PDB file of N, CA and C in Angstrom:
ATOM      1  N   MET A   1     185.781 -46.383 -43.510  1.00  0.00           N
ATOM      2  CA  MET A   1     184.669 -46.578 -42.627  1.00  0.00           C
ATOM      3  C   MET A   1     185.134 -47.427 -41.444  1.00  0.00           C
ATOM      4  N   TYR A   2     184.657 -47.087 -40.260  1.00  0.00           N
ATOM      5  CA  TYR A   2     184.997 -47.834 -39.063  1.00  0.00           C
ATOM      6  C   TYR A   2     183.743 -48.012 -38.221  1.00  0.00           C
ATOM      7  N   ALA A   3     183.847 -48.909 -37.246  1.00  0.00           N
ATOM      8  CA  ALA A   3     182.719 -49.167 -36.361  1.00  0.00           C
ATOM      9  C   ALA A   3     183.251 -49.538 -34.983  1.00  0.00           C
ATOM     10  N   VAL A   4     182.433 -49.274 -33.974  1.00  0.00           N
ATOM     11  CA  VAL A   4     182.703 -49.743 -32.620  1.00  0.00           C
ATOM     12  C   VAL A   4     181.694 -50.841 -32.354  1.00  0.00           C
ATOM     13  N   VAL A   5     182.203 -52.047 -32.128  1.00  0.00           N
ATOM     14  CA  VAL A   5     181.339 -53.216 -31.976  1.00  0.00           C
ATOM     15  C   VAL A   5     181.600 -53.847 -30.607  1.00  0.00           C
ATOM     16  N   GLN A   6     180.535 -54.375 -29.993  1.00  0.00           N
ATOM     17  CA  GLN A   6     180.651 -55.029 -28.700  1.00  0.00           C
ATOM     18  C   GLN A   6     180.637 -56.536 -28.917  1.00  0.00           C
ATOM     19  N   ILE A   7     181.719 -57.200 -28.474  1.00  0.00           N
ATOM     20  CA  ILE A   7     181.856 -58.641 -28.617  1.00  0.00           C
ATOM     21  C   ILE A   7     182.195 -59.203 -27.243  1.00  0.00           C
ATOM     22  N   ALA A   8     181.332 -60.057 -26.725  1.00  0.00           N
ATOM     23  CA  ALA A   8     181.538 -60.724 -25.435  1.00  0.00           C
ATOM     24  C   ALA A   8     181.805 -59.730 -24.309  1.00  0.00           C
ATOM     25  N   GLY A   9     181.075 -58.615 -24.305  1.00  0.00           N
ATOM     26  CA  GLY A   9     181.197 -57.644 -23.230  1.00  0.00           C
ATOM     27  C   GLY A   9     182.326 -56.643 -23.376  1.00  0.00           C
ATOM     28  N   LYS A  10     183.128 -56.756 -24.435  1.00  0.00           N
ATOM     29  CA  LYS A  10     184.227 -55.824 -24.674  1.00  0.00           C
ATOM     30  C   LYS A  10     183.961 -55.058 -25.960  1.00  0.00           C
ATOM     31  N   GLN A  11     184.473 -53.835 -26.027  1.00  0.00           N
ATOM     32  CA  GLN A  11     184.253 -52.988 -27.197  1.00  0.00           C
ATOM     33  C   GLN A  11     185.527 -52.880 -28.013  1.00  0.00           C
ATOM     34  N   TYR A  12     185.375 -52.987 -29.344  1.00  0.00           N
ATOM     35  CA  TYR A  12     186.506 -52.934 -30.262  1.00  0.00           C
ATOM     36  C   TYR A  12     186.191 -51.928 -31.367  1.00  0.00           C
ATOM     37  N   ARG A  13     187.207 -51.126 -31.710  1.00  0.00           N
ATOM     38  CA  ARG A  13     187.092 -50.231 -32.868  1.00  0.00           C
ATOM     39  C   ARG A  13     187.708 -50.963 -34.050  1.00  0.00           C
ATOM     40  N   VAL A  14     186.903 -51.218 -35.070  1.00  0.00           N
ATOM     41  CA  VAL A  14     187.345 -52.019 -36.201  1.00  0.00           C
ATOM     42  C   VAL A  14     187.075 -51.287 -37.503  1.00  0.00           C
ATOM     43  N   SER A  15     187.868 -51.617 -38.506  1.00  0.00           N
ATOM     44  CA  SER A  15     187.608 -51.183 -39.869  1.00  0.00           C
ATOM     45  C   SER A  15     187.837 -52.385 -40.778  1.00  0.00           C
ATOM     46  N   GLN A  16     187.512 -52.234 -42.033  1.00  0.00           N
ATOM     47  CA  GLN A  16     187.603 -53.361 -42.952  1.00  0.00           C
ATOM     48  C   GLN A  16     189.051 -53.839 -43.089  1.00  0.00           C
ATOM     49  N   ASN A  17     189.235 -55.151 -43.164  1.00  0.00           N
ATOM     50  CA  ASN A  17     190.522 -55.845 -43.282  1.00  0.00           C
ATOM     51  C   ASN A  17     191.360 -55.800 -42.007  1.00  0.00           C
ATOM     52  N   ASP A  18     190.784 -55.394 -40.875  1.00  0.00           N
ATOM     53  CA  ASP A  18     191.483 -55.473 -39.588  1.00  0.00           C
ATOM     54  C   ASP A  18     191.438 -56.901 -39.073  1.00  0.00           C
ATOM     55  N   THR A  19     192.476 -57.300 -38.362  1.00  0.00           N
ATOM     56  CA  THR A  19     192.506 -58.591 -37.682  1.00  0.00           C
ATOM     57  C   THR A  19     192.600 -58.317 -36.193  1.00  0.00           C
ATOM     58  N   ILE A  20     191.623 -58.826 -35.430  1.00  0.00           N
ATOM     59  CA  ILE A  20     191.588 -58.586 -33.991  1.00  0.00           C
ATOM     60  C   ILE A  20     191.483 -59.907 -33.241  1.00  0.00           C
ATOM     61  N   GLN A  21     191.865 -59.864 -31.976  1.00  0.00           N
ATOM     62  CA  GLN A  21     191.746 -61.022 -31.102  1.00  0.00           C
ATOM     63  C   GLN A  21     190.612 -60.760 -30.119  1.00  0.00           C
ATOM     64  N   VAL A  22     189.612 -61.640 -30.140  1.00  0.00           N
ATOM     65  CA  VAL A  22     188.444 -61.510 -29.277  1.00  0.00           C
ATOM     66  C   VAL A  22     188.395 -62.703 -28.338  1.00  0.00           C
ATOM     67  N   PRO A  23     187.640 -62.619 -27.239  1.00  0.00           N
ATOM     68  CA  PRO A  23     187.497 -63.788 -26.376  1.00  0.00           C
ATOM     69  C   PRO A  23     186.961 -64.985 -27.161  1.00  0.00           C
ATOM     70  N   THR A  24     187.195 -66.165 -26.660  1.00  0.00           N
ATOM     71  CA  THR A  24     186.915 -67.398 -27.376  1.00  0.00           C
ATOM     72  C   THR A  24     185.479 -67.482 -27.868  1.00  0.00           C
ATOM     73  N   LEU A  25     185.327 -67.767 -29.164  1.00  0.00           N
ATOM     74  CA  LEU A  25     184.028 -67.993 -29.789  1.00  0.00           C
ATOM     75  C   LEU A  25     183.897 -69.477 -30.116  1.00  0.00           C
ATOM     76  N   ASP A  26     182.683 -69.974 -30.156  1.00  0.00           N
ATOM     77  CA  ASP A  26     182.439 -71.380 -30.479  1.00  0.00           C
ATOM     78  C   ASP A  26     182.288 -71.566 -31.988  1.00  0.00           C
ATOM     79  N   GLU A  27     183.250 -71.095 -32.737  1.00  0.00           N
ATOM     80  CA  GLU A  27     183.228 -71.198 -34.197  1.00  0.00           C
ATOM     81  C   GLU A  27     184.513 -71.851 -34.673  1.00  0.00           C
ATOM     82  N   LYS A  28     184.432 -72.544 -35.800  1.00  0.00           N
ATOM     83  CA  LYS A  28     185.607 -73.199 -36.364  1.00  0.00           C
ATOM     84  C   LYS A  28     186.338 -72.248 -37.305  1.00  0.00           C
ATOM     85  N   GLU A  29     187.568 -72.589 -37.615  1.00  0.00           N
ATOM     86  CA  GLU A  29     188.392 -71.776 -38.502  1.00  0.00           C
ATOM     87  C   GLU A  29     187.783 -71.734 -39.896  1.00  0.00           C
ATOM     88  N   GLY A  30     187.711 -70.541 -40.473  1.00  0.00           N
ATOM     89  CA  GLY A  30     187.132 -70.361 -41.795  1.00  0.00           C
ATOM     90  C   GLY A  30     185.654 -70.027 -41.790  1.00  0.00           C
ATOM     91  N   THR A  31     185.026 -70.044 -40.627  1.00  0.00           N
ATOM     92  CA  THR A  31     183.602 -69.760 -40.509  1.00  0.00           C
ATOM     93  C   THR A  31     183.353 -68.253 -40.565  1.00  0.00           C
ATOM     94  N   ASN A  32     182.262 -67.855 -41.205  1.00  0.00           N
ATOM     95  CA  ASN A  32     181.862 -66.454 -41.220  1.00  0.00           C
ATOM     96  C   ASN A  32     181.014 -66.163 -39.990  1.00  0.00           C
ATOM     97  N   VAL A  33     181.289 -65.028 -39.345  1.00  0.00           N
ATOM     98  CA  VAL A  33     180.596 -64.630 -38.121  1.00  0.00           C
ATOM     99  C   VAL A  33     180.020 -63.246 -38.340  1.00  0.00           C
ATOM    100  N   LYS A  34     178.830 -63.003 -37.790  1.00  0.00           N
ATOM    101  CA  LYS A  34     178.204 -61.684 -37.905  1.00  0.00           C
ATOM    102  C   LYS A  34     177.984 -61.126 -36.506  1.00  0.00           C
ATOM    103  N   PHE A  35     178.493 -59.930 -36.251  1.00  0.00           N
ATOM    104  CA  PHE A  35     178.316 -59.244 -34.975  1.00  0.00           C
ATOM    105  C   PHE A  35     177.294 -58.132 -35.182  1.00  0.00           C
ATOM    106  N   ASP A  36     176.187 -58.193 -34.438  1.00  0.00           N
ATOM    107  CA  ASP A  36     175.121 -57.208 -34.647  1.00  0.00           C
ATOM    108  C   ASP A  36     175.024 -56.170 -33.531  1.00  0.00           C
ATOM    109  N   ARG A  37     175.879 -56.251 -32.530  1.00  0.00           N
ATOM    110  CA  ARG A  37     175.877 -55.244 -31.466  1.00  0.00           C
ATOM    111  C   ARG A  37     176.851 -54.114 -31.837  1.00  0.00           C
ATOM    112  N   VAL A  38     176.417 -53.262 -32.761  1.00  0.00           N
ATOM    113  CA  VAL A  38     177.234 -52.149 -33.258  1.00  0.00           C
ATOM    114  C   VAL A  38     176.807 -50.890 -32.512  1.00  0.00           C
ATOM    115  N   LEU A  39     177.775 -50.256 -31.840  1.00  0.00           N
ATOM    116  CA  LEU A  39     177.481 -49.070 -31.035  1.00  0.00           C
ATOM    117  C   LEU A  39     177.670 -47.773 -31.800  1.00  0.00           C
ATOM    118  N   LEU A  40     178.562 -47.779 -32.809  1.00  0.00           N
ATOM    119  CA  LEU A  40     178.878 -46.558 -33.537  1.00  0.00           C
ATOM    120  C   LEU A  40     179.399 -46.935 -34.908  1.00  0.00           C
ATOM    121  N   VAL A  41     179.004 -46.173 -35.917  1.00  0.00           N
ATOM    122  CA  VAL A  41     179.525 -46.339 -37.272  1.00  0.00           C
ATOM    123  C   VAL A  41     179.968 -44.967 -37.756  1.00  0.00           C
ATOM    124  N   GLY A  42     181.196 -44.900 -38.281  1.00  0.00           N
ATOM    125  CA  GLY A  42     181.707 -43.612 -38.718  1.00  0.00           C
ATOM    126  C   GLY A  42     182.410 -43.701 -40.054  1.00  0.00           C
ATOM    127  N   SER A  43     182.390 -42.590 -40.770  1.00  0.00           N
ATOM    128  CA  SER A  43     183.128 -42.447 -42.023  1.00  0.00           C
ATOM    129  C   SER A  43     183.713 -41.045 -42.047  1.00  0.00           C
ATOM    130  N   GLU A  44     184.293 -40.661 -43.192  1.00  0.00           N
ATOM    131  CA  GLU A  44     184.869 -39.321 -43.271  1.00  0.00           C
ATOM    132  C   GLU A  44     183.800 -38.236 -43.178  1.00  0.00           C
ATOM    133  N   LYS A  45     182.596 -38.525 -43.641  1.00  0.00           N
ATOM    134  CA  LYS A  45     181.560 -37.504 -43.726  1.00  0.00           C
ATOM    135  C   LYS A  45     180.649 -37.436 -42.507  1.00  0.00           C
ATOM    136  N   GLN A  46     180.297 -38.596 -41.934  1.00  0.00           N
ATOM    137  CA  GLN A  46     179.355 -38.565 -40.829  1.00  0.00           C
ATOM    138  C   GLN A  46     179.630 -39.686 -39.838  1.00  0.00           C
ATOM    139  N   ILE A  47     179.114 -39.485 -38.635  1.00  0.00           N
ATOM    140  CA  ILE A  47     179.208 -40.482 -37.576  1.00  0.00           C
ATOM    141  C   ILE A  47     177.796 -40.781 -37.102  1.00  0.00           C
ATOM    142  N   THR A  48     177.459 -42.071 -37.025  1.00  0.00           N
ATOM    143  CA  THR A  48     176.157 -42.494 -36.530  1.00  0.00           C
ATOM    144  C   THR A  48     176.357 -43.186 -35.191  1.00  0.00           C
ATOM    145  N   VAL A  49     175.751 -42.617 -34.160  1.00  0.00           N
ATOM    146  CA  VAL A  49     175.865 -43.161 -32.817  1.00  0.00           C
ATOM    147  C   VAL A  49     174.541 -43.824 -32.466  1.00  0.00           C
ATOM    148  N   GLY A  50     174.598 -45.040 -31.960  1.00  0.00           N
ATOM    149  CA  GLY A  50     173.390 -45.763 -31.594  1.00  0.00           C
ATOM    150  C   GLY A  50     172.886 -45.360 -30.227  1.00  0.00           C
ATOM    151  N   HIS A  51     171.641 -45.711 -29.984  1.00  0.00           N
ATOM    152  CA  HIS A  51     171.031 -45.395 -28.695  1.00  0.00           C
ATOM    153  C   HIS A  51     170.299 -46.607 -28.163  1.00  0.00           C
ATOM    154  N   PRO A  52     170.887 -47.659 -27.653  1.00  0.00           N
ATOM    155  CA  PRO A  52     172.309 -47.914 -27.466  1.00  0.00           C
ATOM    156  C   PRO A  52     172.978 -48.537 -28.688  1.00  0.00           C
ATOM    157  N   LEU A  53     172.197 -49.122 -29.623  1.00  0.00           N
ATOM    158  CA  LEU A  53     172.780 -49.767 -30.802  1.00  0.00           C
ATOM    159  C   LEU A  53     172.341 -49.052 -32.067  1.00  0.00           C
ATOM    160  N   VAL A  54     173.149 -49.152 -33.117  1.00  0.00           N
ATOM    161  CA  VAL A  54     172.794 -48.617 -34.414  1.00  0.00           C
ATOM    162  C   VAL A  54     171.877 -49.643 -35.079  1.00  0.00           C
ATOM    163  N   SER A  55     170.645 -49.242 -35.388  1.00  0.00           N
ATOM    164  CA  SER A  55     169.678 -50.196 -35.937  1.00  0.00           C
ATOM    165  C   SER A  55     170.053 -50.576 -37.367  1.00  0.00           C
ATOM    166  N   GLY A  56     170.024 -51.868 -37.634  1.00  0.00           N
ATOM    167  CA  GLY A  56     170.306 -52.383 -38.969  1.00  0.00           C
ATOM    168  C   GLY A  56     171.774 -52.529 -39.305  1.00  0.00           C
ATOM    169  N   ALA A  57     172.663 -52.150 -38.414  1.00  0.00           N
ATOM    170  CA  ALA A  57     174.096 -52.235 -38.698  1.00  0.00           C
ATOM    171  C   ALA A  57     174.644 -53.562 -38.191  1.00  0.00           C
ATOM    172  N   ASN A  58     175.609 -54.114 -38.924  1.00  0.00           N
ATOM    173  CA  ASN A  58     176.299 -55.316 -38.467  1.00  0.00           C
ATOM    174  C   ASN A  58     177.706 -55.334 -39.029  1.00  0.00           C
ATOM    175  N   VAL A  59     178.535 -56.149 -38.405  1.00  0.00           N
ATOM    176  CA  VAL A  59     179.927 -56.306 -38.811  1.00  0.00           C
ATOM    177  C   VAL A  59     180.131 -57.782 -39.133  1.00  0.00           C
ATOM    178  N   GLU A  60     180.627 -58.060 -40.337  1.00  0.00           N
ATOM    179  CA  GLU A  60     180.875 -59.435 -40.749  1.00  0.00           C
ATOM    180  C   GLU A  60     182.365 -59.718 -40.654  1.00  0.00           C
ATOM    181  N   ALA A  61     182.691 -60.928 -40.179  1.00  0.00           N
ATOM    182  CA  ALA A  61     184.089 -61.304 -39.988  1.00  0.00           C
ATOM    183  C   ALA A  61     184.266 -62.780 -40.316  1.00  0.00           C
ATOM    184  N   THR A  62     185.516 -63.163 -40.543  1.00  0.00           N
ATOM    185  CA  THR A  62     185.885 -64.544 -40.796  1.00  0.00           C
ATOM    186  C   THR A  62     186.862 -64.981 -39.715  1.00  0.00           C
ATOM    187  N   VAL A  63     186.632 -66.186 -39.170  1.00  0.00           N
ATOM    188  CA  VAL A  63     187.517 -66.707 -38.124  1.00  0.00           C
ATOM    189  C   VAL A  63     188.817 -67.157 -38.778  1.00  0.00           C
ATOM    190  N   VAL A  64     189.929 -66.565 -38.353  1.00  0.00           N
ATOM    191  CA  VAL A  64     191.245 -66.887 -38.897  1.00  0.00           C
ATOM    192  C   VAL A  64     191.866 -68.042 -38.125  1.00  0.00           C
ATOM    193  N   GLY A  65     191.734 -68.038 -36.809  1.00  0.00           N
ATOM    194  CA  GLY A  65     192.315 -69.101 -36.006  1.00  0.00           C
ATOM    195  C   GLY A  65     192.040 -68.894 -34.535  1.00  0.00           C
ATOM    196  N   VAL A  66     192.491 -69.847 -33.738  1.00  0.00           N
ATOM    197  CA  VAL A  66     192.369 -69.764 -32.284  1.00  0.00           C
ATOM    198  C   VAL A  66     193.755 -69.908 -31.671  1.00  0.00           C
ATOM    199  N   GLY A  67     193.909 -69.442 -30.455  1.00  0.00           N
ATOM    200  CA  GLY A  67     195.210 -69.549 -29.813  1.00  0.00           C
ATOM    201  C   GLY A  67     195.143 -69.117 -28.369  1.00  0.00           C
ATOM    202  N   LYS A  68     196.312 -68.998 -27.769  1.00  0.00           N
ATOM    203  CA  LYS A  68     196.437 -68.527 -26.400  1.00  0.00           C
ATOM    204  C   LYS A  68     197.420 -67.366 -26.374  1.00  0.00           C
ATOM    205  N   SER A  69     197.140 -66.389 -25.537  1.00  0.00           N
ATOM    206  CA  SER A  69     198.016 -65.231 -25.433  1.00  0.00           C
ATOM    207  C   SER A  69     199.244 -65.572 -24.597  1.00  0.00           C
ATOM    208  N   ASP A  70     200.127 -64.606 -24.415  1.00  0.00           N
ATOM    209  CA  ASP A  70     201.340 -64.807 -23.646  1.00  0.00           C
ATOM    210  C   ASP A  70     201.008 -65.112 -22.191  1.00  0.00           C
ATOM    211  N   LYS A  71     201.905 -65.825 -21.545  1.00  0.00           N
ATOM    212  CA  LYS A  71     201.687 -66.224 -20.162  1.00  0.00           C
ATOM    213  C   LYS A  71     201.860 -65.027 -19.231  1.00  0.00           C
ATOM    214  N   VAL A  72     200.929 -64.903 -18.300  1.00  0.00           N
ATOM    215  CA  VAL A  72     200.985 -63.889 -17.263  1.00  0.00           C
ATOM    216  C   VAL A  72     201.253 -64.618 -15.957  1.00  0.00           C
ATOM    217  N   MET A  73     202.302 -64.216 -15.256  1.00  0.00           N
ATOM    218  CA  MET A  73     202.655 -64.863 -13.995  1.00  0.00           C
ATOM    219  C   MET A  73     202.020 -64.109 -12.834  1.00  0.00           C
ATOM    220  N   ILE A  74     201.428 -64.860 -11.902  1.00  0.00           N
ATOM    221  CA  ILE A  74     200.810 -64.309 -10.714  1.00  0.00           C
ATOM    222  C   ILE A  74     201.636 -64.764  -9.519  1.00  0.00           C
ATOM    223  N   LEU A  75     202.151 -63.826  -8.749  1.00  0.00           N
ATOM    224  CA  LEU A  75     202.971 -64.142  -7.575  1.00  0.00           C
ATOM    225  C   LEU A  75     202.298 -63.586  -6.334  1.00  0.00           C
ATOM    226  N   LYS A  76     202.194 -64.431  -5.288  1.00  0.00           N
ATOM    227  CA  LYS A  76     201.674 -63.984  -4.002  1.00  0.00           C
ATOM    228  C   LYS A  76     202.710 -64.327  -2.941  1.00  0.00           C
ATOM    229  N   LYS A  77     202.880 -63.440  -1.975  1.00  0.00           N
ATOM    230  CA  LYS A  77     203.866 -63.687  -0.921  1.00  0.00           C
ATOM    231  C   LYS A  77     203.442 -62.940   0.329  1.00  0.00           C
ATOM    232  N   LYS A  78     203.629 -63.597   1.467  1.00  0.00           N
ATOM    233  CA  LYS A  78     203.408 -62.945   2.746  1.00  0.00           C
ATOM    234  C   LYS A  78     204.731 -62.950   3.494  1.00  0.00           C
ATOM    235  N   LYS A  79     205.161 -61.779   3.904  1.00  0.00           N
ATOM    236  CA  LYS A  79     206.467 -61.706   4.553  1.00  0.00           C
ATOM    237  C   LYS A  79     206.437 -62.370   5.935  1.00  0.00           C
ATOM    238  N   ARG A  80     207.526 -62.992   6.275  1.00  0.00           N
ATOM    239  CA  ARG A  80     207.748 -63.662   7.559  1.00  0.00           C
ATOM    240  C   ARG A  80     206.799 -64.829   7.819  1.00  0.00           C
ATOM    241  N   LYS A  81     206.094 -65.333   6.817  1.00  0.00           N
ATOM    242  CA  LYS A  81     205.180 -66.455   7.026  1.00  0.00           C
ATOM    243  C   LYS A  81     205.607 -67.692   6.242  1.00  0.00           C
ATOM    244  N   GLY A  82     206.520 -67.543   5.311  1.00  0.00           N
ATOM    245  CA  GLY A  82     206.929 -68.668   4.488  1.00  0.00           C
ATOM    246  C   GLY A  82     205.910 -69.026   3.419  1.00  0.00           C
ATOM    247  N   TYR A  83     204.983 -68.118   3.142  1.00  0.00           N
ATOM    248  CA  TYR A  83     203.927 -68.370   2.160  1.00  0.00           C
ATOM    249  C   TYR A  83     204.311 -67.754   0.831  1.00  0.00           C
ATOM    250  N   ARG A  84     204.474 -68.586  -0.186  1.00  0.00           N
ATOM    251  CA  ARG A  84     204.726 -68.113  -1.537  1.00  0.00           C
ATOM    252  C   ARG A  84     203.868 -68.929  -2.489  1.00  0.00           C
ATOM    253  N   LEU A  85     203.269 -68.264  -3.450  1.00  0.00           N
ATOM    254  CA  LEU A  85     202.422 -68.932  -4.430  1.00  0.00           C
ATOM    255  C   LEU A  85     202.748 -68.370  -5.800  1.00  0.00           C
ATOM    256  N   ARG A  86     202.946 -69.237  -6.754  1.00  0.00           N
ATOM    257  CA  ARG A  86     203.271 -68.813  -8.107  1.00  0.00           C
ATOM    258  C   ARG A  86     202.349 -69.550  -9.075  1.00  0.00           C
ATOM    259  N   ARG A  87     201.598 -68.801  -9.837  1.00  0.00           N
ATOM    260  CA  ARG A  87     200.670 -69.366 -10.804  1.00  0.00           C
ATOM    261  C   ARG A  87     200.849 -68.652 -12.140  1.00  0.00           C
ATOM    262  N   GLY A  88     200.477 -69.342 -13.198  1.00  0.00           N
ATOM    263  CA  GLY A  88     200.517 -68.743 -14.527  1.00  0.00           C
ATOM    264  C   GLY A  88     199.147 -68.839 -15.178  1.00  0.00           C
ATOM    265  N   HIS A  89     198.899 -67.957 -16.133  1.00  0.00           N
ATOM    266  CA  HIS A  89     197.613 -67.953 -16.828  1.00  0.00           C
ATOM    267  C   HIS A  89     197.831 -67.565 -18.284  1.00  0.00           C
ATOM    268  N   ARG A  90     197.211 -68.312 -19.192  1.00  0.00           N
ATOM    269  CA  ARG A  90     197.224 -67.975 -20.613  1.00  0.00           C
ATOM    270  C   ARG A  90     195.776 -67.891 -21.084  1.00  0.00           C
ATOM    271  N   GLN A  91     195.362 -66.702 -21.488  1.00  0.00           N
ATOM    272  CA  GLN A  91     193.985 -66.476 -21.908  1.00  0.00           C
ATOM    273  C   GLN A  91     193.784 -66.972 -23.341  1.00  0.00           C
ATOM    274  N   ALA A  92     192.740 -67.738 -23.562  1.00  0.00           N
ATOM    275  CA  ALA A  92     192.418 -68.225 -24.906  1.00  0.00           C
ATOM    276  C   ALA A  92     191.713 -67.118 -25.690  1.00  0.00           C
ATOM    277  N   TYR A  93     191.953 -67.090 -26.996  1.00  0.00           N
ATOM    278  CA  TYR A  93     191.322 -66.079 -27.847  1.00  0.00           C
ATOM    279  C   TYR A  93     190.994 -66.684 -29.202  1.00  0.00           C
ATOM    280  N   THR A  94     190.141 -65.983 -29.932  1.00  0.00           N
ATOM    281  CA  THR A  94     189.824 -66.308 -31.318  1.00  0.00           C
ATOM    282  C   THR A  94     190.236 -65.112 -32.164  1.00  0.00           C
ATOM    283  N   GLU A  95     190.974 -65.355 -33.220  1.00  0.00           N
ATOM    284  CA  GLU A  95     191.427 -64.284 -34.094  1.00  0.00           C
ATOM    285  C   GLU A  95     190.470 -64.190 -35.277  1.00  0.00           C
ATOM    286  N   VAL A  96     189.906 -62.996 -35.498  1.00  0.00           N
ATOM    287  CA  VAL A  96     188.959 -62.794 -36.589  1.00  0.00           C
ATOM    288  C   VAL A  96     189.436 -61.665 -37.493  1.00  0.00           C
ATOM    289  N   LYS A  97     189.086 -61.774 -38.774  1.00  0.00           N
ATOM    290  CA  LYS A  97     189.406 -60.735 -39.755  1.00  0.00           C
ATOM    291  C   LYS A  97     188.098 -60.110 -40.204  1.00  0.00           C
ATOM    292  N   ILE A  98     188.012 -58.785 -40.081  1.00  0.00           N
ATOM    293  CA  ILE A  98     186.810 -58.064 -40.445  1.00  0.00           C
ATOM    294  C   ILE A  98     186.713 -57.985 -41.960  1.00  0.00           C
ATOM    295  N   THR A  99     185.588 -58.445 -42.507  1.00  0.00           N
ATOM    296  CA  THR A  99     185.427 -58.455 -43.959  1.00  0.00           C
ATOM    297  C   THR A  99     184.497 -57.359 -44.464  1.00  0.00           C
ATOM    298  N   ASN A 100     183.474 -56.994 -43.663  1.00  0.00           N
ATOM    299  CA  ASN A 100     182.520 -56.010 -44.142  1.00  0.00           C
ATOM    300  C   ASN A 100     181.856 -55.308 -42.968  1.00  0.00           C
ATOM    301  N   ILE A 101     181.581 -54.015 -43.150  1.00  0.00           N
ATOM    302  CA  ILE A 101     180.797 -53.243 -42.192  1.00  0.00           C
ATOM    303  C   ILE A 101     179.571 -52.750 -42.940  1.00  0.00           C
ATOM    304  N   ALA A 102     178.389 -53.247 -42.542  1.00  0.00           N
ATOM    305  CA  ALA A 102     177.142 -52.898 -43.230  1.00  0.00           C
ATOM    306  C   ALA A 102     176.288 -52.025 -42.343  1.00  0.00           C
ATOM    307  N   ILE A 103     175.643 -51.031 -42.963  1.00  0.00           N
ATOM    308  CA  ILE A 103     174.748 -50.128 -42.226  1.00  0.00           C
ATOM    309  C   ILE A 103     173.322 -50.505 -42.537  1.00  0.00           C
TER     310      ILE A 103
END
């Protein structure tokens, strides 16, 4: 069984025991989280598509940890002006493990 769930404006396809990285949540490590914005639930036999959400469906997860992703370097340059700018960015994330998909 799998589901498409919307978390913080982004959509993720998840199934049970998957570990995904989502934008930062205000939850501590080991906390159980429930996501109720489920857009689609599917299995081998049938697919249920919400309009826009599947009523009564939710995805339960456990917070595994928090961290930062790899550094992305941003470079700006204007030719013949002597202008160079170099910046880095590391996006924070929360890692969650999907424990249950309920319909």
